[in-house]
Amino acid sequence: MSHVQGEPEWVFTRDGRRLYAMVLPGPGSGPTVVFEAGAAASRSSWGLVQPLVGEFARAVVYDRSGLGRSAPDPSGRTLDRMADDLVDVLRHFGPGPYVLAGHSAGGPIVRLAASRTSAKIAGLVLVDPTDEAAEVVFSPRFRGLERKLLRTGRILAATGLLKFLYRPMVRAVPEDVRRDLVREGFTPQVLRTQTEQARTFLDELETWRADPPAPGDCPVTVVSGGRAGDGMNAALRAEANAAHAQRVSSGGRHRIAEKSGHLVPVTEPEVVADEVRRLLS
């Protein structure tokens, strides 16, 4: 029986690294949707959304270097470098058109890649993205909390306990995705990659406050979680959603996933799929 996330395919980056991808072919014509996961997440985080999108479009998920089945990047994990890897993924799968969907830290990655690629970008769907307009993410308090969470995560990964914090997510996805997630998603390597990404991510993002990447004339839709939780209190949720509302461009819209906190692709996958479909139409 085939995997719910499709057939495997290896993508080669410009410097020769291999990125593991899975592809649902869709109806065989029209745009391709490429999904970019959050900071420490693999392709499996899209295990509920991608099959819905695969019903009406070619749908591609992949693992960034150091996550899932993709080997670590010896040259580091800057935002700039992660965006270049996504550009290489787009080049591998053809000239487009593409809709790019990015969750959390994947939001800035797709925005930067869209500003660099020669492929045709039909739209962006940013799902509860990290956004430079939310000043709180650059505060000393937020950065200190991030460091504490990374230290705790490394301990839990080393002892095999990290997966238990994500039981609702693990239980929600299809069985074959669940097996992948349990095997690949909570390892010490994941935390090493997340730590390397975090080393420069916020500093790079803060420079966008003065000089953000330009997505061109493609529509940008933002889906925000409607609830606090998942590490976000009410004040942070309000500031994030206000930033999200500013990020929308002509042809896109701001939609609130009313039943969700930060993990919208798991708690309301149909909302994300609906917004992708809307841009494609």
C-alpha atoms as a PDB file:
ATOM      1  CA  MET A   1       0.000   0.000   0.000  1.00  0.00           C
ATOM      2  CA  SER A   2       1.344   3.451  -0.895  1.00  0.00           C
ATOM      3  CA  HIS A   3       2.181   6.066   1.710  1.00  0.00           C
ATOM      4  CA  VAL A   4      -0.458   8.732   2.399  1.00  0.00           C
ATOM      5  CA  GLN A   5       2.166  11.407   1.645  1.00  0.00           C
ATOM      6  CA  GLY A   6       3.031   9.939  -1.741  1.00  0.00           C
ATOM      7  CA  GLU A   7       6.139   8.638  -3.429  1.00  0.00           C
ATOM      8  CA  PRO A   8       9.689   9.422  -2.250  1.00  0.00           C
ATOM      9  CA  GLU A   9      12.035  11.527  -4.344  1.00  0.00           C
ATOM     10  CA  TRP A  10      15.509  12.898  -3.661  1.00  0.00           C
ATOM     11  CA  VAL A  11      16.271  16.542  -4.442  1.00  0.00           C
ATOM     12  CA  PHE A  12      19.872  17.665  -4.937  1.00  0.00           C
ATOM     13  CA  THR A  13      20.904  21.110  -3.744  1.00  0.00           C
ATOM     14  CA  ARG A  14      23.339  23.328  -5.614  1.00  0.00           C
ATOM     15  CA  ASP A  15      26.183  22.150  -3.336  1.00  0.00           C
ATOM     16  CA  GLY A  16      25.360  18.454  -3.704  1.00  0.00           C
ATOM     17  CA  ARG A  17      23.380  17.707  -0.536  1.00  0.00           C
ATOM     18  CA  ARG A  18      20.300  15.480  -0.778  1.00  0.00           C
ATOM     19  CA  LEU A  19      16.889  16.505   0.539  1.00  0.00           C
ATOM     20  CA  TYR A  20      14.197  13.880   1.021  1.00  0.00           C
ATOM     21  CA  ALA A  21      10.837  14.740  -0.565  1.00  0.00           C
ATOM     22  CA  MET A  22       7.482  13.000  -0.971  1.00  0.00           C
ATOM     23  CA  VAL A  23       5.115  13.781  -3.814  1.00  0.00           C
ATOM     24  CA  LEU A  24       1.402  13.334  -4.379  1.00  0.00           C
ATOM     25  CA  PRO A  25       0.817  13.732  -8.138  1.00  0.00           C
ATOM     26  CA  GLY A  26      -2.629  15.299  -7.932  1.00  0.00           C
ATOM     27  CA  PRO A  27      -4.845  15.400 -11.025  1.00  0.00           C
ATOM     28  CA  GLY A  28      -1.861  15.718 -13.359  1.00  0.00           C
ATOM     29  CA  SER A  29      -2.090  19.356 -14.425  1.00  0.00           C
ATOM     30  CA  GLY A  30      -2.043  22.817 -12.924  1.00  0.00           C
ATOM     31  CA  PRO A  31       0.113  24.384 -10.214  1.00  0.00           C
ATOM     32  CA  THR A  32       2.230  22.539  -7.683  1.00  0.00           C
ATOM     33  CA  VAL A  33       1.973  23.189  -3.947  1.00  0.00           C
ATOM     34  CA  VAL A  34       5.188  22.950  -1.919  1.00  0.00           C
ATOM     35  CA  PHE A  35       5.026  22.850   1.871  1.00  0.00           C
ATOM     36  CA  GLU A  36       7.665  24.269   4.226  1.00  0.00           C
ATOM     37  CA  ALA A  37       7.561  22.990   7.809  1.00  0.00           C
ATOM     38  CA  GLY A  38       8.218  24.849  11.055  1.00  0.00           C
ATOM     39  CA  ALA A  39      11.522  25.155  12.915  1.00  0.00           C
ATOM     40  CA  ALA A  40      12.071  21.593  14.148  1.00  0.00           C
ATOM     41  CA  ALA A  41       9.448  19.915  11.993  1.00  0.00           C
ATOM     42  CA  SER A  42       9.772  17.456   9.137  1.00  0.00           C
ATOM     43  CA  ARG A  43       7.522  16.667   6.182  1.00  0.00           C
ATOM     44  CA  SER A  44       5.367  14.645   8.603  1.00  0.00           C
ATOM     45  CA  SER A  45       3.981  17.846  10.136  1.00  0.00           C
ATOM     46  CA  TRP A  46       1.978  18.271   6.908  1.00  0.00           C
ATOM     47  CA  GLY A  47       0.599  14.727   7.081  1.00  0.00           C
ATOM     48  CA  LEU A  48      -3.008  15.903   7.413  1.00  0.00           C
ATOM     49  CA  VAL A  49      -2.890  18.878   5.021  1.00  0.00           C
ATOM     50  CA  GLN A  50      -0.936  17.440   2.090  1.00  0.00           C
ATOM     51  CA  PRO A  51      -3.384  14.597   1.296  1.00  0.00           C
ATOM     52  CA  LEU A  52      -6.261  17.106   1.197  1.00  0.00           C
ATOM     53  CA  VAL A  53      -4.349  19.328  -1.223  1.00  0.00           C
ATOM     54  CA  GLY A  54      -3.259  16.286  -3.225  1.00  0.00           C
ATOM     55  CA  GLU A  55      -6.880  15.793  -4.232  1.00  0.00           C
ATOM     56  CA  PHE A  56      -6.725  18.900  -6.450  1.00  0.00           C
ATOM     57  CA  ALA A  57      -3.017  19.702  -7.026  1.00  0.00           C
ATOM     58  CA  ARG A  58       0.425  18.144  -7.096  1.00  0.00           C
ATOM     59  CA  ALA A  59       1.552  18.389  -3.471  1.00  0.00           C
ATOM     60  CA  VAL A  60       5.195  18.208  -2.375  1.00  0.00           C
ATOM     61  CA  VAL A  61       6.618  17.951   1.137  1.00  0.00           C
ATOM     62  CA  TYR A  62      10.313  17.716   1.974  1.00  0.00           C
ATOM     63  CA  ASP A  63      12.737  17.570   4.877  1.00  0.00           C
ATOM     64  CA  ARG A  64      15.174  20.411   5.367  1.00  0.00           C
ATOM     65  CA  SER A  65      18.769  19.397   6.065  1.00  0.00           C
ATOM     66  CA  GLY A  66      19.144  17.802   9.491  1.00  0.00           C
ATOM     67  CA  LEU A  67      15.449  16.942   9.798  1.00  0.00           C
ATOM     68  CA  GLY A  68      13.507  13.819   8.862  1.00  0.00           C
ATOM     69  CA  ARG A  69      15.528  11.790   6.360  1.00  0.00           C
ATOM     70  CA  SER A  70      17.740  14.624   5.108  1.00  0.00           C
ATOM     71  CA  ALA A  71      21.327  14.606   6.370  1.00  0.00           C
ATOM     72  CA  PRO A  72      22.657  17.611   8.326  1.00  0.00           C
ATOM     73  CA  ASP A  73      24.140  20.592   6.504  1.00  0.00           C
ATOM     74  CA  PRO A  74      27.826  21.008   7.426  1.00  0.00           C
ATOM     75  CA  SER A  75      27.660  24.695   6.479  1.00  0.00           C
ATOM     76  CA  GLY A  76      24.970  25.652   8.991  1.00  0.00           C
ATOM     77  CA  ARG A  77      21.281  26.516   8.955  1.00  0.00           C
ATOM     78  CA  THR A  78      20.853  30.228   8.403  1.00  0.00           C
ATOM     79  CA  LEU A  79      17.548  31.588   7.147  1.00  0.00           C
ATOM     80  CA  ASP A  80      19.363  32.652   4.007  1.00  0.00           C
ATOM     81  CA  ARG A  81      20.660  29.122   3.394  1.00  0.00           C
ATOM     82  CA  MET A  82      17.310  27.449   4.126  1.00  0.00           C
ATOM     83  CA  ALA A  83      15.614  29.724   1.589  1.00  0.00           C
ATOM     84  CA  ASP A  84      18.228  28.813  -1.021  1.00  0.00           C
ATOM     85  CA  ASP A  85      17.480  25.134  -0.392  1.00  0.00           C
ATOM     86  CA  LEU A  86      13.790  25.765  -1.046  1.00  0.00           C
ATOM     87  CA  VAL A  87      14.722  27.540  -4.279  1.00  0.00           C
ATOM     88  CA  ASP A  88      16.623  24.378  -5.245  1.00  0.00           C
ATOM     89  CA  VAL A  89      13.544  22.280  -4.463  1.00  0.00           C
ATOM     90  CA  LEU A  90      11.467  24.464  -6.781  1.00  0.00           C
ATOM     91  CA  ARG A  91      14.059  24.196  -9.536  1.00  0.00           C
ATOM     92  CA  HIS A  92      13.993  20.408  -9.189  1.00  0.00           C
ATOM     93  CA  PHE A  93      10.228  20.190  -9.632  1.00  0.00           C
ATOM     94  CA  GLY A  94       9.966  22.541 -12.607  1.00  0.00           C
ATOM     95  CA  PRO A  95       9.197  26.138 -13.567  1.00  0.00           C
ATOM     96  CA  GLY A  96       5.863  26.327 -11.755  1.00  0.00           C
ATOM     97  CA  PRO A  97       3.481  27.851 -11.158  1.00  0.00           C
ATOM     98  CA  TYR A  98       3.726  27.168  -7.429  1.00  0.00           C
ATOM     99  CA  VAL A  99       1.788  27.932  -4.315  1.00  0.00           C
ATOM    100  CA  LEU A 100       4.114  27.879  -1.312  1.00  0.00           C
ATOM    101  CA  ALA A 101       2.730  27.080   2.132  1.00  0.00           C
ATOM    102  CA  GLY A 102       4.877  27.742   5.194  1.00  0.00           C
ATOM    103  CA  HIS A 103       4.059  27.096   8.847  1.00  0.00           C
ATOM    104  CA  SER A 104       5.656  28.994  11.740  1.00  0.00           C
ATOM    105  CA  ALA A 105       9.365  29.527  10.927  1.00  0.00           C
ATOM    106  CA  GLY A 106       8.558  28.138   7.481  1.00  0.00           C
ATOM    107  CA  GLY A 107       6.697  31.380   6.773  1.00  0.00           C
ATOM    108  CA  PRO A 108       9.826  33.543   6.492  1.00  0.00           C
ATOM    109  CA  ILE A 109      11.556  30.787   4.523  1.00  0.00           C
ATOM    110  CA  VAL A 110       8.882  30.746   1.801  1.00  0.00           C
ATOM    111  CA  ARG A 111       8.760  34.549   1.715  1.00  0.00           C
ATOM    112  CA  LEU A 112      12.504  34.775   1.137  1.00  0.00           C
ATOM    113  CA  ALA A 113      12.551  31.935  -1.400  1.00  0.00           C
ATOM    114  CA  ALA A 114       9.670  33.529  -3.330  1.00  0.00           C
ATOM    115  CA  SER A 115      11.712  36.723  -3.657  1.00  0.00           C
ATOM    116  CA  ARG A 116      14.667  34.796  -5.121  1.00  0.00           C
ATOM    117  CA  THR A 117      13.342  32.063  -7.355  1.00  0.00           C
ATOM    118  CA  SER A 118      12.915  32.286 -11.107  1.00  0.00           C
ATOM    119  CA  ALA A 119       9.917  29.947 -10.842  1.00  0.00           C
ATOM    120  CA  LYS A 120       6.443  31.412 -11.196  1.00  0.00           C
ATOM    121  CA  ILE A 121       4.846  31.876  -7.771  1.00  0.00           C
ATOM    122  CA  ALA A 122       1.050  31.891  -7.871  1.00  0.00           C
ATOM    123  CA  GLY A 123       0.633  32.636  -4.175  1.00  0.00           C
ATOM    124  CA  LEU A 124       1.797  32.172  -0.601  1.00  0.00           C
ATOM    125  CA  VAL A 125      -0.154  30.673   2.287  1.00  0.00           C
ATOM    126  CA  LEU A 126       1.526  31.565   5.570  1.00  0.00           C
ATOM    127  CA  VAL A 127       0.206  29.440   8.430  1.00  0.00           C
ATOM    128  CA  ASP A 128       0.619  31.090  11.838  1.00  0.00           C
ATOM    129  CA  PRO A 129       3.990  32.381  10.633  1.00  0.00           C
ATOM    130  CA  THR A 130       6.788  33.940  12.599  1.00  0.00           C
ATOM    131  CA  ASP A 131       6.676  37.593  11.512  1.00  0.00           C
ATOM    132  CA  GLU A 132       9.080  40.472  11.992  1.00  0.00           C
ATOM    133  CA  ALA A 133       6.208  42.883  12.652  1.00  0.00           C
ATOM    134  CA  ALA A 134       5.597  41.137  15.994  1.00  0.00           C
ATOM    135  CA  GLU A 135       8.199  42.977  18.075  1.00  0.00           C
ATOM    136  CA  VAL A 136       7.858  40.623  21.018  1.00  0.00           C
ATOM    137  CA  VAL A 137       9.829  37.863  19.255  1.00  0.00           C
ATOM    138  CA  PHE A 138      12.956  40.048  19.421  1.00  0.00           C
ATOM    139  CA  SER A 139      12.654  40.826  23.126  1.00  0.00           C
ATOM    140  CA  PRO A 140      15.257  39.532  25.618  1.00  0.00           C
ATOM    141  CA  ARG A 141      12.499  37.666  27.440  1.00  0.00           C
ATOM    142  CA  PHE A 142      11.419  35.777  24.303  1.00  0.00           C
ATOM    143  CA  ARG A 143      15.003  34.933  23.350  1.00  0.00           C
ATOM    144  CA  GLY A 144      15.701  33.714  26.883  1.00  0.00           C
ATOM    145  CA  LEU A 145      12.622  31.507  26.785  1.00  0.00           C
ATOM    146  CA  GLU A 146      13.746  30.070  23.454  1.00  0.00           C
ATOM    147  CA  ARG A 147      17.139  29.160  24.920  1.00  0.00           C
ATOM    148  CA  LYS A 148      15.496  27.442  27.899  1.00  0.00           C
ATOM    149  CA  LEU A 149      13.157  25.468  25.655  1.00  0.00           C
ATOM    150  CA  LEU A 150      16.054  24.323  23.494  1.00  0.00           C
ATOM    151  CA  ARG A 151      18.029  23.159  26.539  1.00  0.00           C
ATOM    152  CA  THR A 152      15.008  21.272  27.852  1.00  0.00           C
ATOM    153  CA  GLY A 153      14.321  19.798  24.427  1.00  0.00           C
ATOM    154  CA  ARG A 154      17.864  18.481  24.122  1.00  0.00           C
ATOM    155  CA  ILE A 155      17.546  16.708  27.478  1.00  0.00           C
ATOM    156  CA  LEU A 156      14.162  15.206  26.605  1.00  0.00           C
ATOM    157  CA  ALA A 157      15.377  14.066  23.179  1.00  0.00           C
ATOM    158  CA  ALA A 158      18.450  12.427  24.694  1.00  0.00           C
ATOM    159  CA  THR A 159      16.290  10.504  27.186  1.00  0.00           C
ATOM    160  CA  GLY A 160      13.620   9.522  24.639  1.00  0.00           C
ATOM    161  CA  LEU A 161      10.914  11.522  26.422  1.00  0.00           C
ATOM    162  CA  LEU A 162      10.400  14.327  23.900  1.00  0.00           C
ATOM    163  CA  LYS A 163       7.808  12.447  21.854  1.00  0.00           C
ATOM    164  CA  PHE A 164       5.480  12.265  24.845  1.00  0.00           C
ATOM    165  CA  LEU A 165       5.038  16.053  24.818  1.00  0.00           C
ATOM    166  CA  TYR A 166       3.619  15.763  21.301  1.00  0.00           C
ATOM    167  CA  ARG A 167       1.199  12.897  21.851  1.00  0.00           C
ATOM    168  CA  PRO A 168      -1.854  14.824  20.525  1.00  0.00           C
ATOM    169  CA  MET A 169      -0.027  15.536  17.267  1.00  0.00           C
ATOM    170  CA  VAL A 170       1.287  11.981  16.980  1.00  0.00           C
ATOM    171  CA  ARG A 171      -2.177  10.535  17.548  1.00  0.00           C
ATOM    172  CA  ALA A 172      -3.818  12.870  15.026  1.00  0.00           C
ATOM    173  CA  VAL A 173      -1.871  11.876  11.915  1.00  0.00           C
ATOM    174  CA  PRO A 174      -2.393   8.762   9.741  1.00  0.00           C
ATOM    175  CA  GLU A 175      -0.654   5.568  10.814  1.00  0.00           C
ATOM    176  CA  ASP A 176       2.156   5.649   8.245  1.00  0.00           C
ATOM    177  CA  VAL A 177       2.887   9.301   9.021  1.00  0.00           C
ATOM    178  CA  ARG A 178       2.817   8.435  12.733  1.00  0.00           C
ATOM    179  CA  ARG A 179       5.488   5.783  12.258  1.00  0.00           C
ATOM    180  CA  ASP A 180       7.718   8.265  10.437  1.00  0.00           C
ATOM    181  CA  LEU A 181       7.125  10.941  13.049  1.00  0.00           C
ATOM    182  CA  VAL A 182       7.913   8.699  16.011  1.00  0.00           C
ATOM    183  CA  ARG A 183      11.068   7.367  14.325  1.00  0.00           C
ATOM    184  CA  GLU A 184      12.406  10.678  12.992  1.00  0.00           C
ATOM    185  CA  GLY A 185      10.766  13.609  14.729  1.00  0.00           C
ATOM    186  CA  PHE A 186      12.108  13.642  18.285  1.00  0.00           C
ATOM    187  CA  THR A 187      15.767  12.667  18.047  1.00  0.00           C
ATOM    188  CA  PRO A 188      18.861  14.451  19.384  1.00  0.00           C
ATOM    189  CA  GLN A 189      19.723  15.313  15.763  1.00  0.00           C
ATOM    190  CA  VAL A 190      16.458  17.248  15.445  1.00  0.00           C
ATOM    191  CA  LEU A 191      17.401  19.336  18.480  1.00  0.00           C
ATOM    192  CA  ARG A 192      20.902  19.913  17.138  1.00  0.00           C
ATOM    193  CA  THR A 193      19.394  21.199  13.902  1.00  0.00           C
ATOM    194  CA  GLN A 194      16.845  23.344  15.722  1.00  0.00           C
ATOM    195  CA  THR A 195      19.599  24.836  17.877  1.00  0.00           C
ATOM    196  CA  GLU A 196      21.709  25.617  14.810  1.00  0.00           C
ATOM    197  CA  GLN A 197      18.726  27.262  13.085  1.00  0.00           C
ATOM    198  CA  ALA A 198      17.938  29.332  16.178  1.00  0.00           C
ATOM    199  CA  ARG A 199      21.522  30.604  16.417  1.00  0.00           C
ATOM    200  CA  THR A 200      20.922  33.249  13.719  1.00  0.00           C
ATOM    201  CA  PHE A 201      17.226  33.044  12.782  1.00  0.00           C
ATOM    202  CA  LEU A 202      15.856  35.930  14.855  1.00  0.00           C
ATOM    203  CA  ASP A 203      18.841  38.163  14.087  1.00  0.00           C
ATOM    204  CA  GLU A 204      18.312  37.610  10.373  1.00  0.00           C
ATOM    205  CA  LEU A 205      14.571  38.138  10.688  1.00  0.00           C
ATOM    206  CA  GLU A 206      15.042  41.379  12.624  1.00  0.00           C
ATOM    207  CA  THR A 207      16.888  42.920   9.663  1.00  0.00           C
ATOM    208  CA  TRP A 208      13.675  42.502   7.674  1.00  0.00           C
ATOM    209  CA  ARG A 209      12.027  45.204   9.775  1.00  0.00           C
ATOM    210  CA  ALA A 210      13.961  47.706   7.665  1.00  0.00           C
ATOM    211  CA  ASP A 211      14.352  45.686   4.462  1.00  0.00           C
ATOM    212  CA  PRO A 212      11.823  42.843   4.030  1.00  0.00           C
ATOM    213  CA  PRO A 213      11.961  40.497   1.032  1.00  0.00           C
ATOM    214  CA  ALA A 214       9.569  41.460  -1.735  1.00  0.00           C
ATOM    215  CA  PRO A 215       7.253  38.616  -2.805  1.00  0.00           C
ATOM    216  CA  GLY A 216       6.433  40.258  -6.118  1.00  0.00           C
ATOM    217  CA  ASP A 217       2.832  40.610  -7.154  1.00  0.00           C
ATOM    218  CA  CYS A 218       1.635  37.203  -5.930  1.00  0.00           C
ATOM    219  CA  PRO A 219      -1.238  37.103  -3.425  1.00  0.00           C
ATOM    220  CA  VAL A 220      -0.347  36.373   0.190  1.00  0.00           C
ATOM    221  CA  THR A 221      -2.874  34.728   2.511  1.00  0.00           C
ATOM    222  CA  VAL A 222      -2.199  34.355   6.228  1.00  0.00           C
ATOM    223  CA  VAL A 223      -3.941  31.825   8.466  1.00  0.00           C
ATOM    224  CA  SER A 224      -3.677  32.663  12.172  1.00  0.00           C
ATOM    225  CA  GLY A 225      -4.487  30.525  15.146  1.00  0.00           C
ATOM    226  CA  GLY A 226      -7.449  31.906  17.039  1.00  0.00           C
ATOM    227  CA  ARG A 227      -6.474  30.659  20.480  1.00  0.00           C
ATOM    228  CA  ALA A 228      -3.684  31.106  22.975  1.00  0.00           C
ATOM    229  CA  GLY A 229      -1.738  27.993  23.921  1.00  0.00           C
ATOM    230  CA  ASP A 230       1.033  25.959  22.282  1.00  0.00           C
ATOM    231  CA  GLY A 231       3.531  28.240  24.012  1.00  0.00           C
ATOM    232  CA  MET A 232       1.704  31.498  23.192  1.00  0.00           C
ATOM    233  CA  ASN A 233      -0.141  33.475  25.862  1.00  0.00           C
ATOM    234  CA  ALA A 234      -3.040  35.798  25.018  1.00  0.00           C
ATOM    235  CA  ALA A 235      -0.835  38.874  24.608  1.00  0.00           C
ATOM    236  CA  LEU A 236       1.578  37.125  22.254  1.00  0.00           C
ATOM    237  CA  ARG A 237      -1.326  35.680  20.282  1.00  0.00           C
ATOM    238  CA  ALA A 238      -2.862  39.145  19.855  1.00  0.00           C
ATOM    239  CA  GLU A 239       0.430  40.684  18.713  1.00  0.00           C
ATOM    240  CA  ALA A 240       1.129  37.818  16.314  1.00  0.00           C
ATOM    241  CA  ASN A 241      -2.304  38.057  14.723  1.00  0.00           C
ATOM    242  CA  ALA A 242      -2.000  41.820  14.314  1.00  0.00           C
ATOM    243  CA  ALA A 243       1.305  41.264  12.502  1.00  0.00           C
ATOM    244  CA  HIS A 244      -0.308  38.584  10.356  1.00  0.00           C
ATOM    245  CA  ALA A 245      -3.064  40.969   9.280  1.00  0.00           C
ATOM    246  CA  GLN A 246      -0.403  43.376   7.976  1.00  0.00           C
ATOM    247  CA  ARG A 247       1.281  40.654   5.940  1.00  0.00           C
ATOM    248  CA  VAL A 248      -1.717  39.986   3.658  1.00  0.00           C
ATOM    249  CA  SER A 249      -1.402  41.277   0.096  1.00  0.00           C
ATOM    250  CA  SER A 250      -3.875  41.947  -2.691  1.00  0.00           C
ATOM    251  CA  GLY A 251      -5.708  38.797  -3.699  1.00  0.00           C
ATOM    252  CA  GLY A 252      -4.982  37.136  -0.367  1.00  0.00           C
ATOM    253  CA  ARG A 253      -6.794  37.372   2.932  1.00  0.00           C
ATOM    254  CA  HIS A 254      -6.376  36.963   6.682  1.00  0.00           C
ATOM    255  CA  ARG A 255      -8.246  33.977   8.056  1.00  0.00           C
ATOM    256  CA  ILE A 256      -8.536  32.964  11.696  1.00  0.00           C
ATOM    257  CA  ALA A 257      -8.501  29.253  12.496  1.00  0.00           C
ATOM    258  CA  GLU A 258     -10.895  29.607  15.398  1.00  0.00           C
ATOM    259  CA  LYS A 259     -10.330  26.166  16.935  1.00  0.00           C
ATOM    260  CA  SER A 260      -6.536  26.283  16.802  1.00  0.00           C
ATOM    261  CA  GLY A 261      -3.516  27.559  18.626  1.00  0.00           C
ATOM    262  CA  HIS A 262      -0.176  27.464  16.826  1.00  0.00           C
ATOM    263  CA  LEU A 263      -0.451  23.958  15.347  1.00  0.00           C
ATOM    264  CA  VAL A 264      -3.070  24.783  12.718  1.00  0.00           C
ATOM    265  CA  PRO A 265      -1.862  22.114  10.226  1.00  0.00           C
ATOM    266  CA  VAL A 266      -2.732  19.465  12.821  1.00  0.00           C
ATOM    267  CA  THR A 267      -5.844  20.900  14.459  1.00  0.00           C
ATOM    268  CA  GLU A 268      -7.562  22.413  11.386  1.00  0.00           C
ATOM    269  CA  PRO A 269      -5.878  21.015   8.270  1.00  0.00           C
ATOM    270  CA  GLU A 270      -8.987  21.670   6.208  1.00  0.00           C
ATOM    271  CA  VAL A 271      -8.616  25.425   6.785  1.00  0.00           C
ATOM    272  CA  VAL A 272      -5.129  25.395   5.276  1.00  0.00           C
ATOM    273  CA  ALA A 273      -6.242  23.232   2.351  1.00  0.00           C
ATOM    274  CA  ASP A 274      -9.197  25.555   1.705  1.00  0.00           C
ATOM    275  CA  GLU A 275      -6.923  28.593   1.517  1.00  0.00           C
ATOM    276  CA  VAL A 276      -4.551  26.825  -0.874  1.00  0.00           C
ATOM    277  CA  ARG A 277      -7.520  25.886  -3.061  1.00  0.00           C
ATOM    278  CA  ARG A 278      -8.748  29.478  -3.002  1.00  0.00           C
ATOM    279  CA  LEU A 279      -5.428  30.795  -4.333  1.00  0.00           C
ATOM    280  CA  LEU A 280      -5.325  28.124  -7.012  1.00  0.00           C
ATOM    281  CA  SER A 281      -8.788  29.058  -8.199  1.00  0.00           C
END
